[in-house]
């Protein structure tokens, strides 16, 4: 049994840029782990390293998708020490999610940072300002299988399902460094299970936990697994 808190965060919009897209920015329907660590850092008011979080789990829902036009202003410099100069302006299409809802499970020690977050909570970009809807005690019961949607499932769990899971495979960042410019500390392949797609029956012992009050099942990302992925994929 995992005892902790259930943090519900909502917003008018959310956007999590899908990797490798040029000219048209698709959004992921579920935030990557790096976005979750970004939320924790905003709440704590400092950069939160993955090893500081014993475990976490989450589920993401949204009402719909829409497309916006966004002006991209580019700058360039011929040498690293030169002052950047205006290089041009371009307009691209950007997809975003409407009325998103993030249900985040964390150890109880994270209650106070979310009660009084130091910085704005965002579900993606700076315009995706979010608000804290509720914080409640929660108990997650480990289970071997469940119906999953609105979550990320790691590749090692996906490949055991023999094609029975409806997922969009993506190589996603786990976390980013705190220096400028930021760099990914590690990546991993995940199956993105969209909340608007049919739920998938998943059998993944040691990965899943059930929230009986919310009647849904979520993968639990433990510190040991995160550390192992970062060690294998860093650099």
Protein backbone atom coordinates (compact mmCIF):
# COMPACT_ATOMS: atom_id res chain seq x y z
CA UNK A 1 0.00 0.00 0.00
CA UNK A 2 1.29 3.46 -0.94
CA UNK A 3 0.02 6.19 1.34
CA UNK A 4 0.34 9.77 0.13
CA UNK A 5 -1.66 12.61 -1.37
CA UNK A 6 -3.78 13.12 -4.45
CA UNK A 7 -3.19 16.53 -6.05
CA UNK A 8 -5.68 17.64 -8.71
CA UNK A 9 -4.48 20.41 -11.05
CA UNK A 10 -6.65 21.98 -13.75
CA UNK A 11 -6.23 24.66 -16.42
CA UNK A 12 -7.89 26.17 -19.49
CA UNK A 13 -5.18 24.81 -21.78
CA UNK A 14 -2.17 22.50 -21.84
CA UNK A 15 0.52 21.69 -24.38
CA UNK A 16 3.33 19.15 -24.30
CA UNK A 17 5.30 19.30 -27.53
CA UNK A 18 5.72 15.94 -29.26
CA UNK A 19 9.42 15.35 -30.06
CA UNK A 20 10.69 15.54 -33.62
CA UNK A 21 7.88 17.64 -35.09
CA UNK A 22 8.86 20.54 -37.37
CA UNK A 23 6.53 23.11 -38.88
CA UNK A 24 3.47 21.77 -37.09
CA UNK A 25 3.66 21.25 -33.34
CA UNK A 26 1.60 18.32 -32.13
CA UNK A 27 0.91 18.01 -28.43
CA UNK A 28 1.24 14.82 -26.45
CA UNK A 29 -2.08 13.83 -24.82
CA UNK A 30 -0.24 12.95 -21.60
CA UNK A 31 2.62 14.99 -20.07
CA UNK A 32 6.08 13.40 -19.98
CA UNK A 33 7.80 12.77 -16.66
CA UNK A 34 9.98 15.84 -17.24
CA UNK A 35 6.84 18.02 -17.07
CA UNK A 36 5.90 16.45 -13.74
CA UNK A 37 9.35 17.15 -12.28
CA UNK A 38 8.93 20.71 -13.61
CA UNK A 39 5.69 21.05 -11.63
CA UNK A 40 7.42 19.79 -8.49
CA UNK A 41 10.21 22.31 -9.01
CA UNK A 42 7.71 25.16 -9.43
CA UNK A 43 5.89 24.17 -6.25
CA UNK A 44 9.12 23.81 -4.25
CA UNK A 45 10.69 26.98 -5.66
CA UNK A 46 13.91 25.21 -6.66
CA UNK A 47 15.14 22.58 -9.09
CA UNK A 48 13.95 19.18 -7.86
CA UNK A 49 16.17 16.27 -8.86
CA UNK A 50 14.49 12.93 -9.65
CA UNK A 51 16.28 11.18 -6.79
CA UNK A 52 14.45 13.45 -4.33
CA UNK A 53 11.07 11.94 -5.16
CA UNK A 54 10.51 8.48 -3.68
CA UNK A 55 7.63 7.66 -6.04
CA UNK A 56 5.00 9.35 -8.18
CA UNK A 57 2.02 8.41 -10.30
CA UNK A 58 -0.41 10.40 -12.42
CA UNK A 59 -3.32 10.38 -14.83
CA UNK A 60 -4.17 13.09 -17.36
CA UNK A 61 -7.53 13.93 -18.91
CA UNK A 62 -8.70 16.75 -21.17
CA UNK A 63 -11.89 17.93 -22.86
CA UNK A 64 -10.68 18.37 -26.44
CA UNK A 65 -7.96 19.49 -28.85
CA UNK A 66 -7.62 22.71 -30.80
CA UNK A 67 -5.08 24.39 -33.08
CA UNK A 68 -3.63 27.88 -32.74
CA UNK A 69 -1.33 30.00 -34.88
CA UNK A 70 1.87 31.02 -33.13
CA UNK A 71 4.50 33.54 -34.21
CA UNK A 72 8.05 32.21 -33.88
CA UNK A 73 10.75 34.89 -33.71
CA UNK A 74 14.27 33.62 -34.33
CA UNK A 75 17.64 35.13 -33.45
CA UNK A 76 21.11 34.13 -34.53
CA UNK A 77 24.74 34.85 -33.72
CA UNK A 78 27.79 33.99 -35.80
CA UNK A 79 30.05 33.45 -32.80
CA UNK A 80 29.19 32.16 -29.32
CA UNK A 81 30.06 35.48 -27.68
CA UNK A 82 28.21 37.67 -30.20
CA UNK A 83 25.01 39.49 -29.25
CA UNK A 84 22.03 37.68 -30.83
CA UNK A 85 20.45 39.55 -33.73
CA UNK A 86 16.98 39.28 -35.25
CA UNK A 87 16.93 36.61 -37.96
CA UNK A 88 13.30 36.35 -38.97
CA UNK A 89 9.74 35.59 -38.09
CA UNK A 90 7.61 32.62 -38.94
CA UNK A 91 4.06 31.47 -38.17
CA UNK A 92 3.34 27.83 -37.34
CA UNK A 93 0.34 25.79 -36.29
CA UNK A 94 0.41 24.59 -32.69
CA UNK A 95 -1.92 22.01 -31.23
CA UNK A 96 -3.09 22.32 -27.62
CA UNK A 97 -5.46 20.60 -25.19
CA UNK A 98 -8.52 22.27 -23.66
CA UNK A 99 -9.73 22.03 -20.06
CA UNK A 100 -7.03 19.57 -18.91
CA UNK A 101 -7.08 17.82 -15.56
CA UNK A 102 -4.00 16.26 -13.96
CA UNK A 103 -4.42 13.85 -11.04
CA UNK A 104 -1.02 13.53 -9.39
CA UNK A 105 -0.08 11.10 -6.62
CA UNK A 106 2.88 11.85 -4.38
CA UNK A 107 4.31 11.05 -0.93
CA UNK A 108 2.70 13.11 1.85
CA UNK A 109 5.84 15.25 2.23
CA UNK A 110 4.78 17.09 -0.95
CA UNK A 111 1.58 18.44 0.57
CA UNK A 112 3.07 21.68 1.92
CA UNK A 113 4.88 22.71 -1.30
CA UNK A 114 1.60 22.37 -3.20
CA UNK A 115 -0.40 24.14 -0.49
CA UNK A 116 1.77 27.20 -1.05
CA UNK A 117 3.59 26.84 -4.41
CA UNK A 118 6.53 29.19 -4.81
CA UNK A 119 6.07 29.73 -8.56
CA UNK A 120 3.19 29.46 -11.02
CA UNK A 121 2.08 25.96 -11.85
CA UNK A 122 2.03 25.30 -15.60
CA UNK A 123 0.71 22.47 -17.74
CA UNK A 124 3.18 23.02 -20.55
CA UNK A 125 4.09 26.49 -21.76
CA UNK A 126 4.02 29.82 -19.94
CA UNK A 127 0.51 30.52 -21.25
CA UNK A 128 -0.80 27.23 -19.83
CA UNK A 129 -1.26 28.57 -16.30
CA UNK A 130 -2.85 26.00 -13.99
CA UNK A 131 -4.62 26.12 -10.64
CA UNK A 132 -4.70 23.74 -7.72
CA UNK A 133 -8.17 22.25 -7.41
CA UNK A 134 -7.69 19.94 -4.43
CA UNK A 135 -5.23 18.09 -2.20
CA UNK A 136 -6.51 15.02 -0.39
CA UNK A 137 -5.03 11.99 1.36
CA UNK A 138 -4.85 8.97 -0.94
CA UNK A 139 -4.02 5.29 -0.75
CA UNK A 140 -2.82 3.39 -3.79
CA UNK A 141 -3.32 -0.35 -3.71
CA UNK A 142 -0.77 -2.33 -5.78
CA UNK A 143 -2.45 -4.52 -8.40
CA UNK A 144 -1.23 -6.83 -11.15
CA UNK A 145 -3.60 -5.56 -13.85
CA UNK A 146 -6.14 -2.88 -14.63
CA UNK A 147 -7.82 -0.76 -17.27
CA UNK A 148 -5.51 2.11 -18.23
CA UNK A 149 -6.06 5.40 -20.06
CA UNK A 150 -4.57 8.88 -19.76
CA UNK A 151 -1.20 7.55 -18.61
CA UNK A 152 2.33 6.77 -19.78
CA UNK A 153 3.42 3.15 -19.69
CA UNK A 154 7.14 2.31 -20.02
CA UNK A 155 8.34 0.16 -22.89
CA UNK A 156 9.23 -2.83 -20.72
CA UNK A 157 5.57 -3.06 -19.65
CA UNK A 158 4.23 -2.30 -23.15
CA UNK A 159 6.18 -5.08 -24.89
CA UNK A 160 4.70 -7.73 -22.58
CA UNK A 161 1.16 -6.91 -23.68
CA UNK A 162 1.59 -8.60 -27.09
CA UNK A 163 0.03 -5.74 -29.04
CA UNK A 164 -3.11 -5.51 -26.92
CA UNK A 165 -2.43 -1.96 -25.73
CA UNK A 166 -3.61 1.08 -27.72
CA UNK A 167 -0.58 3.34 -27.30
CA UNK A 168 1.46 5.93 -29.20
CA UNK A 169 5.14 5.05 -28.74
CA UNK A 170 7.43 8.00 -28.05
CA UNK A 171 10.96 8.51 -26.78
CA UNK A 172 10.45 11.08 -24.03
CA UNK A 173 12.74 12.92 -21.61
CA UNK A 174 12.74 11.81 -17.99
CA UNK A 175 14.07 15.09 -16.57
CA UNK A 176 16.18 18.09 -17.52
CA UNK A 177 19.28 19.58 -15.92
CA UNK A 178 19.25 22.85 -14.02
CA UNK A 179 22.01 24.59 -15.97
CA UNK A 180 21.57 26.90 -18.98
CA UNK A 181 21.06 25.69 -21.62
CA UNK A 182 19.15 22.78 -20.17
CA UNK A 183 19.88 19.27 -21.34
CA UNK A 184 17.91 16.04 -20.96
CA UNK A 185 19.23 13.86 -18.16
CA UNK A 186 17.86 10.75 -19.80
CA UNK A 187 15.21 9.44 -22.19
CA UNK A 188 13.04 6.34 -22.36
CA UNK A 189 10.43 4.86 -24.68
CA UNK A 190 6.89 5.12 -23.36
CA UNK A 191 3.49 4.14 -24.64
CA UNK A 192 1.18 7.15 -24.48
CA UNK A 193 -2.35 6.00 -23.60
CA UNK A 194 -4.68 8.83 -24.58
CA UNK A 195 -7.65 9.37 -22.24
CA UNK A 196 -9.84 9.86 -25.35
CA UNK A 197 -8.98 6.41 -26.67
CA UNK A 198 -10.49 3.13 -25.56
CA UNK A 199 -8.94 2.02 -22.22
CA UNK A 200 -6.50 -0.87 -22.46
CA UNK A 201 -6.46 -3.91 -20.22
CA UNK A 202 -2.87 -4.08 -18.98
CA UNK A 203 -1.15 -6.81 -16.98
CA UNK A 204 2.01 -5.36 -15.44
CA UNK A 205 2.88 -6.67 -11.96
CA UNK A 206 5.11 -4.38 -9.89
CA UNK A 207 4.02 -1.39 -11.99
CA UNK A 208 0.36 -0.71 -11.34
CA UNK A 209 -1.65 0.64 -8.45
CA UNK A 210 -5.36 1.27 -8.03
CA UNK A 211 -7.04 4.32 -6.53
CA UNK A 212 -10.37 2.88 -5.29
CA UNK A 213 -11.83 6.32 -4.59
CA UNK A 214 -11.27 7.50 -8.16
CA UNK A 215 -11.83 4.08 -9.73
CA UNK A 216 -8.77 4.14 -11.96
CA UNK A 217 -5.39 2.43 -12.21
CA UNK A 218 -2.06 4.20 -12.74
CA UNK A 219 1.58 3.19 -13.27
CA UNK A 220 3.82 4.05 -10.32
CA UNK A 221 7.26 5.47 -11.10
CA UNK A 222 9.63 4.64 -8.29
CA UNK A 223 12.91 6.40 -7.56
CA UNK A 224 14.95 3.25 -8.15
CA UNK A 225 13.58 2.74 -11.66
CA UNK A 226 14.09 6.41 -12.57
CA UNK A 227 17.70 6.29 -11.32
CA UNK A 228 18.39 3.16 -13.34
CA UNK A 229 17.00 4.72 -16.56
CA UNK A 230 18.98 7.91 -16.04
CA UNK A 231 22.17 5.95 -15.46
CA UNK A 232 21.69 3.95 -18.68
CA UNK A 233 20.68 6.81 -20.94
CA UNK A 234 22.52 9.88 -19.61
CA UNK A 235 24.70 11.69 -22.14
